Amino acid sequence: MPVNVVHTPEEELAWERAKARAREQYPEAEGAQFYRIVMAIYKKMVHYQPRSSAAAGKAATGRRMR
């Protein structure tokens, strides 16, 4: 489970469901290929949007300025 993407217990469940779905649909996938498939399924399941480090930095800066 990638800790930079999966943060909450609900997301952990989605990750496990994505792995199960990947095993069903792509039983021959192994290693990096399997990981890419699981990640793609997971992102679709949770409507993943990456957290931008630039946006996080601006938000943190804005809080410090108050």
N, C-alpha and C. Protein backbone atom coordinates (compact mmCIF):
# COMPACT_ATOMS: atom_id res chain seq x y z
N MET A 1 0.85 -1.17 0.00
CA MET A 1 0.00 0.00 0.00
C MET A 1 0.90 1.23 0.00
N PRO A 2 0.70 2.13 -0.93
CA PRO A 2 1.54 3.33 -1.00
C PRO A 2 1.09 4.36 0.05
N VAL A 3 1.95 4.64 1.01
CA VAL A 3 1.58 5.55 2.10
C VAL A 3 1.45 7.00 1.64
N ASN A 4 2.00 7.32 0.47
CA ASN A 4 1.87 8.68 -0.03
C ASN A 4 0.51 8.90 -0.71
N VAL A 5 -0.26 7.85 -0.90
CA VAL A 5 -1.57 7.95 -1.54
C VAL A 5 -2.69 7.52 -0.61
N VAL A 6 -2.48 6.48 0.15
CA VAL A 6 -3.50 5.92 1.03
C VAL A 6 -3.28 6.45 2.44
N HIS A 7 -4.26 7.24 2.95
CA HIS A 7 -4.09 7.90 4.24
C HIS A 7 -5.10 7.46 5.29
N THR A 8 -6.31 7.10 4.91
CA THR A 8 -7.37 6.83 5.87
C THR A 8 -7.77 5.35 5.83
N PRO A 9 -8.47 4.89 6.86
CA PRO A 9 -8.95 3.50 6.84
C PRO A 9 -9.87 3.21 5.65
N GLU A 10 -10.67 4.19 5.25
CA GLU A 10 -11.54 4.00 4.09
C GLU A 10 -10.71 3.82 2.81
N GLU A 11 -9.64 4.58 2.70
CA GLU A 11 -8.76 4.46 1.54
C GLU A 11 -8.03 3.12 1.56
N GLU A 12 -7.70 2.62 2.75
CA GLU A 12 -7.07 1.30 2.85
C GLU A 12 -8.01 0.22 2.33
N LEU A 13 -9.28 0.32 2.68
CA LEU A 13 -10.27 -0.64 2.16
C LEU A 13 -10.37 -0.55 0.64
N ALA A 14 -10.37 0.66 0.12
CA ALA A 14 -10.44 0.83 -1.34
C ALA A 14 -9.20 0.22 -2.00
N TRP A 15 -8.03 0.37 -1.38
CA TRP A 15 -6.80 -0.21 -1.92
C TRP A 15 -6.90 -1.73 -1.98
N GLU A 16 -7.43 -2.33 -0.91
CA GLU A 16 -7.58 -3.79 -0.89
C GLU A 16 -8.60 -4.24 -1.94
N ARG A 17 -9.68 -3.49 -2.11
CA ARG A 17 -10.67 -3.83 -3.14
C ARG A 17 -10.06 -3.70 -4.53
N ALA A 18 -9.22 -2.69 -4.73
CA ALA A 18 -8.56 -2.52 -6.02
C ALA A 18 -7.62 -3.68 -6.31
N LYS A 19 -6.90 -4.14 -5.28
CA LYS A 19 -6.01 -5.30 -5.48
C LYS A 19 -6.80 -6.54 -5.84
N ALA A 20 -7.92 -6.75 -5.16
CA ALA A 20 -8.75 -7.92 -5.47
C ALA A 20 -9.29 -7.84 -6.89
N ARG A 21 -9.74 -6.67 -7.30
CA ARG A 21 -10.26 -6.49 -8.66
C ARG A 21 -9.16 -6.72 -9.69
N ALA A 22 -7.96 -6.24 -9.41
CA ALA A 22 -6.84 -6.43 -10.33
C ALA A 22 -6.50 -7.92 -10.48
N ARG A 23 -6.54 -8.65 -9.35
CA ARG A 23 -6.26 -10.09 -9.42
C ARG A 23 -7.31 -10.82 -10.25
N GLU A 24 -8.57 -10.38 -10.14
CA GLU A 24 -9.66 -11.01 -10.91
C GLU A 24 -9.49 -10.74 -12.41
N GLN A 25 -9.22 -9.49 -12.74
CA GLN A 25 -9.21 -9.09 -14.14
C GLN A 25 -7.88 -9.38 -14.84
N TYR A 26 -6.78 -9.38 -14.09
CA TYR A 26 -5.45 -9.57 -14.68
C TYR A 26 -4.66 -10.59 -13.86
N PRO A 27 -5.04 -11.85 -13.89
CA PRO A 27 -4.35 -12.86 -13.06
C PRO A 27 -2.89 -13.06 -13.44
N GLU A 28 -2.51 -12.70 -14.67
CA GLU A 28 -1.13 -12.90 -15.12
C GLU A 28 -0.21 -11.76 -14.72
N ALA A 29 -0.74 -10.64 -14.24
CA ALA A 29 0.08 -9.46 -13.91
C ALA A 29 0.90 -9.72 -12.66
N GLU A 30 2.16 -9.26 -12.70
CA GLU A 30 3.08 -9.42 -11.57
C GLU A 30 3.92 -8.17 -11.41
N GLY A 31 4.45 -7.97 -10.21
CA GLY A 31 5.42 -6.91 -9.96
C GLY A 31 4.92 -5.53 -10.29
N ALA A 32 5.75 -4.78 -11.02
CA ALA A 32 5.45 -3.39 -11.34
C ALA A 32 4.18 -3.26 -12.17
N GLN A 33 3.95 -4.21 -13.06
CA GLN A 33 2.74 -4.16 -13.88
C GLN A 33 1.50 -4.29 -12.99
N PHE A 34 1.53 -5.20 -12.03
CA PHE A 34 0.41 -5.39 -11.11
C PHE A 34 0.18 -4.11 -10.30
N TYR A 35 1.26 -3.50 -9.81
CA TYR A 35 1.15 -2.27 -9.03
C TYR A 35 0.50 -1.16 -9.86
N ARG A 36 0.91 -1.01 -11.11
CA ARG A 36 0.33 0.03 -11.98
C ARG A 36 -1.16 -0.21 -12.19
N ILE A 37 -1.54 -1.46 -12.36
CA ILE A 37 -2.96 -1.80 -12.57
C ILE A 37 -3.76 -1.48 -11.31
N VAL A 38 -3.24 -1.89 -10.15
CA VAL A 38 -3.93 -1.63 -8.88
C VAL A 38 -4.07 -0.13 -8.67
N MET A 39 -3.00 0.62 -8.92
CA MET A 39 -3.05 2.08 -8.72
C MET A 39 -4.09 2.72 -9.63
N ALA A 40 -4.16 2.29 -10.86
CA ALA A 40 -5.15 2.85 -11.79
C ALA A 40 -6.57 2.55 -11.32
N ILE A 41 -6.82 1.33 -10.88
CA ILE A 41 -8.15 0.97 -10.38
C ILE A 41 -8.47 1.76 -9.12
N TYR A 42 -7.50 1.86 -8.21
CA TYR A 42 -7.70 2.59 -6.95
C TYR A 42 -8.06 4.05 -7.22
N LYS A 43 -7.31 4.69 -8.10
CA LYS A 43 -7.57 6.10 -8.39
C LYS A 43 -8.97 6.31 -8.95
N LYS A 44 -9.44 5.37 -9.76
CA LYS A 44 -10.80 5.48 -10.28
C LYS A 44 -11.82 5.27 -9.16
N MET A 45 -11.54 4.35 -8.25
CA MET A 45 -12.48 4.06 -7.15
C MET A 45 -12.67 5.25 -6.22
N VAL A 46 -11.58 5.94 -5.91
CA VAL A 46 -11.66 7.01 -4.91
C VAL A 46 -11.66 8.40 -5.55
N HIS A 47 -11.74 8.46 -6.87
CA HIS A 47 -11.71 9.75 -7.58
C HIS A 47 -10.50 10.55 -7.11
N TYR A 48 -9.35 9.91 -7.15
CA TYR A 48 -8.10 10.45 -6.62
C TYR A 48 -7.68 11.73 -7.32
N GLN A 49 -7.32 12.72 -6.51
CA GLN A 49 -6.71 13.94 -7.03
C GLN A 49 -5.48 14.21 -6.16
N PRO A 50 -4.30 14.25 -6.77
CA PRO A 50 -3.09 14.42 -5.97
C PRO A 50 -3.08 15.76 -5.25
N ARG A 51 -2.46 15.76 -4.08
CA ARG A 51 -2.30 17.00 -3.32
C ARG A 51 -1.09 17.72 -3.88
N SER A 52 -1.28 18.93 -4.31
CA SER A 52 -0.19 19.70 -4.88
C SER A 52 0.68 20.27 -3.77
N SER A 53 1.98 20.05 -3.85
CA SER A 53 2.88 20.57 -2.83
C SER A 53 2.93 22.10 -2.90
N ALA A 54 2.78 22.66 -4.10
CA ALA A 54 2.75 24.11 -4.24
C ALA A 54 1.52 24.69 -3.56
N ALA A 55 0.38 24.06 -3.76
CA ALA A 55 -0.85 24.54 -3.13
C ALA A 55 -0.75 24.41 -1.61
N ALA A 56 -0.18 23.32 -1.14
CA ALA A 56 -0.02 23.12 0.30
C ALA A 56 0.91 24.17 0.88
N GLY A 57 1.97 24.49 0.14
CA GLY A 57 2.91 25.51 0.60
C GLY A 57 2.27 26.88 0.67
N LYS A 58 1.45 27.22 -0.31
CA LYS A 58 0.76 28.50 -0.30
C LYS A 58 -0.23 28.57 0.85
N ALA A 59 -0.93 27.49 1.10
CA ALA A 59 -1.90 27.47 2.20
C ALA A 59 -1.17 27.64 3.53
N ALA A 60 -0.05 26.96 3.69
CA ALA A 60 0.70 27.07 4.93
C ALA A 60 1.26 28.47 5.10
N THR A 61 1.74 29.09 4.03
CA THR A 61 2.25 30.44 4.07
C THR A 61 1.15 31.40 4.45
N GLY A 62 -0.03 31.20 3.86
CA GLY A 62 -1.16 32.07 4.16
C GLY A 62 -1.54 32.02 5.63
N ARG A 63 -1.45 30.87 6.22
CA ARG A 63 -1.77 30.75 7.65
C ARG A 63 -0.74 31.45 8.51
N ARG A 64 0.51 31.42 8.11
CA ARG A 64 1.56 32.05 8.90
C ARG A 64 1.47 33.57 8.86
N MET A 65 0.93 34.10 7.77
CA MET A 65 0.89 35.55 7.59
C MET A 65 -0.19 36.21 8.43
N ARG A 66 -1.14 35.46 8.91
CA ARG A 66 -2.24 36.05 9.66
C ARG A 66 -1.82 36.56 10.99
